[in-house]
Amino acid sequence: MSTEFNAHRLDVKAFAQAGATLRGRDLLSKYERLLEEAGGQGGERAVQWEVRGAVQRDAAGFAQIWLYLQAQVSLPLTCQRCLGPADIDVTVDRAFRFVATEEQAAAEDEEADEDVLVLGRDFNLQALIEDELLMALPLVPRHDICPTEVRLSAQDVDFEAASAAKPKPFAALAGLKGGKASG
């Protein structure tokens, strides 16, 4: 008997108990928030992912449900150094342990190295993939080496001229203070 698993409504427990693996290659356009980060560009690019389920025993011998996720996408972003277009590779390699309730997940997530999520029969794996890729985005996207020379100084001749021509209101006070000290 073969079991079909759906990434939009995944029965995580059955998936893990079967030791199953799902692989996918979706268009970036199916991930609205990622596409928004890319400024609406690159919708035809591929988001590649693989998830594997497993049941592992903890130190006390209790069965724990795990998912192991790997995902990758190359996003067209703007380099914050040269302000030109940059293809930024975003990858995720994460492990998730599942527990029965929200309260248990909240309590255990603080102390656990892995992420702790709530077990469900209709888990949206694609939402998890998008969340993880969004969290893996660089804070400041940039090229390793920019294709154009980067101007690292900012000078405005008009600003410098206006600043020099402005009267200095405290210059007169400095002169008065200097006069009292000598008298």
C-alpha atoms as a PDB file:
ATOM      1  CA  MET A   1       0.000   0.000   0.000  1.00  0.00           C
ATOM      2  CA  SER A   2       1.505   3.329  -1.019  1.00  0.00           C
ATOM      3  CA  THR A   3       0.544   6.503   0.764  1.00  0.00           C
ATOM      4  CA  GLU A   4       0.378   9.798  -1.100  1.00  0.00           C
ATOM      5  CA  PHE A   5       1.413  12.840   0.901  1.00  0.00           C
ATOM      6  CA  ASN A   6       0.348  16.379   0.045  1.00  0.00           C
ATOM      7  CA  ALA A   7       2.645  19.313   0.866  1.00  0.00           C
ATOM      8  CA  HIS A   8      -0.357  21.617   1.435  1.00  0.00           C
ATOM      9  CA  ARG A   9      -2.093  19.310   3.936  1.00  0.00           C
ATOM     10  CA  LEU A  10       0.589  17.024   5.317  1.00  0.00           C
ATOM     11  CA  ASP A  11      -0.284  14.463   8.002  1.00  0.00           C
ATOM     12  CA  VAL A  12       3.045  14.917   9.771  1.00  0.00           C
ATOM     13  CA  LYS A  13       2.697  11.916  12.087  1.00  0.00           C
ATOM     14  CA  ALA A  14       1.853   9.478   9.268  1.00  0.00           C
ATOM     15  CA  PHE A  15       4.593  11.010   7.119  1.00  0.00           C
ATOM     16  CA  ALA A  16       7.211  10.548   9.872  1.00  0.00           C
ATOM     17  CA  GLN A  17       6.019   7.030  10.753  1.00  0.00           C
ATOM     18  CA  ALA A  18       6.379   6.057   7.091  1.00  0.00           C
ATOM     19  CA  GLY A  19       9.898   7.523   7.033  1.00  0.00           C
ATOM     20  CA  ALA A  20       8.748   9.242   3.852  1.00  0.00           C
ATOM     21  CA  THR A  21      10.489  11.852   1.737  1.00  0.00           C
ATOM     22  CA  LEU A  22       8.909  14.534  -0.427  1.00  0.00           C
ATOM     23  CA  ARG A  23      10.761  16.576  -3.021  1.00  0.00           C
ATOM     24  CA  GLY A  24       9.499  19.506  -4.965  1.00  0.00           C
ATOM     25  CA  ARG A  25      10.420  22.150  -7.480  1.00  0.00           C
ATOM     26  CA  ASP A  26       7.928  25.000  -7.443  1.00  0.00           C
ATOM     27  CA  LEU A  27       7.835  28.321  -9.221  1.00  0.00           C
ATOM     28  CA  LEU A  28       8.783  31.288  -7.060  1.00  0.00           C
ATOM     29  CA  SER A  29       5.461  32.835  -8.121  1.00  0.00           C
ATOM     30  CA  LYS A  30       3.691  30.310  -5.822  1.00  0.00           C
ATOM     31  CA  TYR A  31       5.396  31.917  -2.803  1.00  0.00           C
ATOM     32  CA  GLU A  32       3.813  35.365  -2.549  1.00  0.00           C
ATOM     33  CA  ARG A  33       5.916  36.756   0.296  1.00  0.00           C
ATOM     34  CA  LEU A  34       9.208  35.593  -1.245  1.00  0.00           C
ATOM     35  CA  LEU A  35       8.174  37.060  -4.577  1.00  0.00           C
ATOM     36  CA  GLU A  36       7.354  40.333  -2.827  1.00  0.00           C
ATOM     37  CA  GLU A  37      10.874  40.390  -1.309  1.00  0.00           C
ATOM     38  CA  ALA A  38      12.209  40.028  -4.858  1.00  0.00           C
ATOM     39  CA  GLY A  39      10.201  43.063  -5.935  1.00  0.00           C
ATOM     40  CA  GLY A  40       7.887  40.890  -8.026  1.00  0.00           C
ATOM     41  CA  GLN A  41      10.814  39.758 -10.190  1.00  0.00           C
ATOM     42  CA  GLY A  42      11.872  36.176 -10.957  1.00  0.00           C
ATOM     43  CA  GLY A  43       8.500  34.470 -10.630  1.00  0.00           C
ATOM     44  CA  GLU A  44       9.679  31.807 -13.083  1.00  0.00           C
ATOM     45  CA  ARG A  45      12.637  30.822 -10.883  1.00  0.00           C
ATOM     46  CA  ALA A  46      12.615  27.503  -9.044  1.00  0.00           C
ATOM     47  CA  VAL A  47      12.220  26.947  -5.318  1.00  0.00           C
ATOM     48  CA  GLN A  48      13.689  23.494  -4.735  1.00  0.00           C
ATOM     49  CA  TRP A  49      12.952  21.626  -1.526  1.00  0.00           C
ATOM     50  CA  GLU A  50      13.114  18.244   0.133  1.00  0.00           C
ATOM     51  CA  VAL A  51      11.596  17.119   3.415  1.00  0.00           C
ATOM     52  CA  ARG A  52      12.159  13.840   5.220  1.00  0.00           C
ATOM     53  CA  GLY A  53      10.109  12.497   8.113  1.00  0.00           C
ATOM     54  CA  ALA A  54      11.399  10.327  10.940  1.00  0.00           C
ATOM     55  CA  VAL A  55      10.423   8.944  14.329  1.00  0.00           C
ATOM     56  CA  GLN A  56      13.247   9.022  16.861  1.00  0.00           C
ATOM     57  CA  ARG A  57      13.357   7.978  20.495  1.00  0.00           C
ATOM     58  CA  ASP A  58      14.385  10.482  23.149  1.00  0.00           C
ATOM     59  CA  ALA A  59      16.552   9.613  26.186  1.00  0.00           C
ATOM     60  CA  ALA A  60      13.490   8.344  28.068  1.00  0.00           C
ATOM     61  CA  GLY A  61      12.468   6.109  25.156  1.00  0.00           C
ATOM     62  CA  PHE A  62       9.498   8.188  24.006  1.00  0.00           C
ATOM     63  CA  ALA A  63       8.862   8.425  20.270  1.00  0.00           C
ATOM     64  CA  GLN A  64       9.314  11.899  18.793  1.00  0.00           C
ATOM     65  CA  ILE A  65       8.143  13.072  15.389  1.00  0.00           C
ATOM     66  CA  TRP A  66      10.761  14.907  13.285  1.00  0.00           C
ATOM     67  CA  LEU A  67      10.883  16.637   9.908  1.00  0.00           C
ATOM     68  CA  TYR A  68      14.151  17.523   8.197  1.00  0.00           C
ATOM     69  CA  LEU A  69      13.852  20.309   5.623  1.00  0.00           C
ATOM     70  CA  GLN A  70      16.257  21.476   2.944  1.00  0.00           C
ATOM     71  CA  ALA A  71      15.276  24.265   0.554  1.00  0.00           C
ATOM     72  CA  GLN A  72      17.014  26.551  -1.913  1.00  0.00           C
ATOM     73  CA  VAL A  73      16.137  29.483  -4.154  1.00  0.00           C
ATOM     74  CA  SER A  74      18.084  32.171  -6.011  1.00  0.00           C
ATOM     75  CA  LEU A  75      16.311  35.501  -5.540  1.00  0.00           C
ATOM     76  CA  PRO A  76      16.797  38.600  -7.698  1.00  0.00           C
ATOM     77  CA  LEU A  77      17.434  41.278  -5.070  1.00  0.00           C
ATOM     78  CA  THR A  78      19.108  44.699  -5.018  1.00  0.00           C
ATOM     79  CA  CYS A  79      22.709  44.874  -3.838  1.00  0.00           C
ATOM     80  CA  GLN A  80      22.848  47.385  -0.997  1.00  0.00           C
ATOM     81  CA  ARG A  81      26.454  48.292  -1.814  1.00  0.00           C
ATOM     82  CA  CYS A  82      26.269  49.148  -5.540  1.00  0.00           C
ATOM     83  CA  LEU A  83      22.445  49.281  -5.832  1.00  0.00           C
ATOM     84  CA  GLY A  84      22.567  46.981  -8.853  1.00  0.00           C
ATOM     85  CA  PRO A  85      20.678  43.718  -9.378  1.00  0.00           C
ATOM     86  CA  ALA A  86      22.104  40.714  -7.503  1.00  0.00           C
ATOM     87  CA  ASP A  87      21.113  37.051  -7.587  1.00  0.00           C
ATOM     88  CA  ILE A  88      21.244  35.965  -3.947  1.00  0.00           C
ATOM     89  CA  ASP A  89      21.212  32.250  -3.122  1.00  0.00           C
ATOM     90  CA  VAL A  90      19.096  31.482  -0.069  1.00  0.00           C
ATOM     91  CA  THR A  91      19.334  28.030   1.504  1.00  0.00           C
ATOM     92  CA  VAL A  92      17.719  26.330   4.466  1.00  0.00           C
ATOM     93  CA  ASP A  93      18.737  23.125   6.243  1.00  0.00           C
ATOM     94  CA  ARG A  94      16.612  22.766   9.393  1.00  0.00           C
ATOM     95  CA  ALA A  95      15.222  20.143  11.737  1.00  0.00           C
ATOM     96  CA  PHE A  96      11.787  20.370  13.365  1.00  0.00           C
ATOM     97  CA  ARG A  97      10.409  18.325  16.253  1.00  0.00           C
ATOM     98  CA  PHE A  98       6.662  18.056  16.682  1.00  0.00           C
ATOM     99  CA  VAL A  99       4.687  17.986  19.937  1.00  0.00           C
ATOM    100  CA  ALA A 100       0.996  17.633  20.772  1.00  0.00           C
ATOM    101  CA  THR A 101      -0.018  21.138  21.939  1.00  0.00           C
ATOM    102  CA  GLU A 102       0.782  24.840  21.498  1.00  0.00           C
ATOM    103  CA  GLU A 103       1.593  25.110  25.202  1.00  0.00           C
ATOM    104  CA  GLN A 104       4.089  22.250  25.019  1.00  0.00           C
ATOM    105  CA  ALA A 105       5.665  23.729  21.885  1.00  0.00           C
ATOM    106  CA  ALA A 106       6.033  27.160  23.512  1.00  0.00           C
ATOM    107  CA  ALA A 107       7.555  25.656  26.671  1.00  0.00           C
ATOM    108  CA  GLU A 108      10.019  23.379  24.869  1.00  0.00           C
ATOM    109  CA  ASP A 109      10.994  25.703  22.022  1.00  0.00           C
ATOM    110  CA  GLU A 110      12.891  28.048  24.361  1.00  0.00           C
ATOM    111  CA  GLU A 111      15.238  25.300  25.568  1.00  0.00           C
ATOM    112  CA  ALA A 112      15.526  23.149  22.435  1.00  0.00           C
ATOM    113  CA  ASP A 113      18.214  23.496  19.771  1.00  0.00           C
ATOM    114  CA  GLU A 114      15.698  22.499  17.103  1.00  0.00           C
ATOM    115  CA  ASP A 115      12.437  24.266  16.314  1.00  0.00           C
ATOM    116  CA  VAL A 116       9.428  22.773  18.086  1.00  0.00           C
ATOM    117  CA  LEU A 117       6.108  22.863  16.233  1.00  0.00           C
ATOM    118  CA  VAL A 118       2.595  21.567  16.882  1.00  0.00           C
ATOM    119  CA  LEU A 119       1.629  18.232  15.359  1.00  0.00           C
ATOM    120  CA  GLY A 120      -1.304  18.329  12.995  1.00  0.00           C
ATOM    121  CA  ARG A 121      -3.008  16.292  10.280  1.00  0.00           C
ATOM    122  CA  ASP A 122      -3.177  19.184   7.823  1.00  0.00           C
ATOM    123  CA  PHE A 123       0.216  20.840   8.223  1.00  0.00           C
ATOM    124  CA  ASN A 124       1.046  23.298   5.408  1.00  0.00           C
ATOM    125  CA  LEU A 125       4.584  22.326   4.445  1.00  0.00           C
ATOM    126  CA  GLN A 126       4.810  24.965   1.725  1.00  0.00           C
ATOM    127  CA  ALA A 127       4.069  27.714   4.258  1.00  0.00           C
ATOM    128  CA  LEU A 128       6.909  26.355   6.425  1.00  0.00           C
ATOM    129  CA  ILE A 129       9.260  26.348   3.416  1.00  0.00           C
ATOM    130  CA  GLU A 130       8.389  29.972   2.647  1.00  0.00           C
ATOM    131  CA  ASP A 131       8.751  31.032   6.308  1.00  0.00           C
ATOM    132  CA  GLU A 132      12.175  29.426   6.590  1.00  0.00           C
ATOM    133  CA  LEU A 133      13.451  30.912   3.321  1.00  0.00           C
ATOM    134  CA  LEU A 134      12.222  34.353   4.401  1.00  0.00           C
ATOM    135  CA  MET A 135      14.049  34.037   7.721  1.00  0.00           C
ATOM    136  CA  ALA A 136      17.210  32.956   5.880  1.00  0.00           C
ATOM    137  CA  LEU A 137      17.280  36.087   3.703  1.00  0.00           C
ATOM    138  CA  PRO A 138      20.367  38.224   4.314  1.00  0.00           C
ATOM    139  CA  LEU A 139      19.709  41.424   6.241  1.00  0.00           C
ATOM    140  CA  VAL A 140      21.783  43.324   3.698  1.00  0.00           C
ATOM    141  CA  PRO A 141      21.815  41.635   0.290  1.00  0.00           C
ATOM    142  CA  ARG A 142      24.983  42.381  -1.657  1.00  0.00           C
ATOM    143  CA  HIS A 143      27.396  40.987  -4.192  1.00  0.00           C
ATOM    144  CA  ASP A 144      30.592  39.352  -2.958  1.00  0.00           C
ATOM    145  CA  ILE A 145      32.325  41.588  -5.492  1.00  0.00           C
ATOM    146  CA  CYS A 146      30.223  44.283  -7.132  1.00  0.00           C
ATOM    147  CA  PRO A 147      30.325  44.311 -10.957  1.00  0.00           C
ATOM    148  CA  THR A 148      30.725  48.098 -11.006  1.00  0.00           C
ATOM    149  CA  GLU A 149      32.944  50.413  -9.008  1.00  0.00           C
ATOM    150  CA  VAL A 150      31.257  51.430  -5.788  1.00  0.00           C
ATOM    151  CA  ARG A 151      31.380  55.107  -4.850  1.00  0.00           C
ATOM    152  CA  LEU A 152      32.068  55.095  -1.132  1.00  0.00           C
ATOM    153  CA  SER A 153      32.013  58.844  -0.483  1.00  0.00           C
ATOM    154  CA  ALA A 154      29.277  61.394  -0.814  1.00  0.00           C
ATOM    155  CA  GLN A 155      30.089  64.991  -1.577  1.00  0.00           C
ATOM    156  CA  ASP A 156      27.729  67.742  -2.448  1.00  0.00           C
ATOM    157  CA  VAL A 157      29.562  70.881  -3.577  1.00  0.00           C
ATOM    158  CA  ASP A 158      26.464  73.036  -3.047  1.00  0.00           C
ATOM    159  CA  PHE A 159      26.126  71.773   0.538  1.00  0.00           C
ATOM    160  CA  GLU A 160      29.776  72.538   1.309  1.00  0.00           C
ATOM    161  CA  ALA A 161      29.499  76.067  -0.201  1.00  0.00           C
ATOM    162  CA  ALA A 162      26.278  76.824   1.709  1.00  0.00           C
ATOM    163  CA  SER A 163      27.830  75.614   4.951  1.00  0.00           C
ATOM    164  CA  ALA A 164      30.908  77.850   4.498  1.00  0.00           C
ATOM    165  CA  ALA A 165      28.796  80.925   3.656  1.00  0.00           C
ATOM    166  CA  LYS A 166      26.542  80.636   6.726  1.00  0.00           C
ATOM    167  CA  PRO A 167      27.249  83.102   9.525  1.00  0.00           C
ATOM    168  CA  LYS A 168      28.503  81.493  12.704  1.00  0.00           C
ATOM    169  CA  PRO A 169      26.291  82.922  15.508  1.00  0.00           C
ATOM    170  CA  PHE A 170      28.523  81.814  18.350  1.00  0.00           C
ATOM    171  CA  ALA A 171      31.694  83.314  16.842  1.00  0.00           C
ATOM    172  CA  ALA A 172      30.741  86.741  18.289  1.00  0.00           C
ATOM    173  CA  LEU A 173      30.189  85.192  21.733  1.00  0.00           C
ATOM    174  CA  ALA A 174      33.595  83.540  21.574  1.00  0.00           C
ATOM    175  CA  GLY A 175      35.100  86.960  20.835  1.00  0.00           C
ATOM    176  CA  LEU A 176      33.289  88.558  23.820  1.00  0.00           C
ATOM    177  CA  LYS A 177      34.375  85.736  26.117  1.00  0.00           C
ATOM    178  CA  GLY A 178      37.958  86.179  24.951  1.00  0.00           C
ATOM    179  CA  GLY A 179      37.756  89.946  25.677  1.00  0.00           C
ATOM    180  CA  LYS A 180      36.638  89.428  29.318  1.00  0.00           C
ATOM    181  CA  ALA A 181      39.400  86.973  30.041  1.00  0.00           C
ATOM    182  CA  SER A 182      42.038  89.449  28.986  1.00  0.00           C
ATOM    183  CA  GLY A 183      40.548  92.410  30.949  1.00  0.00           C
END
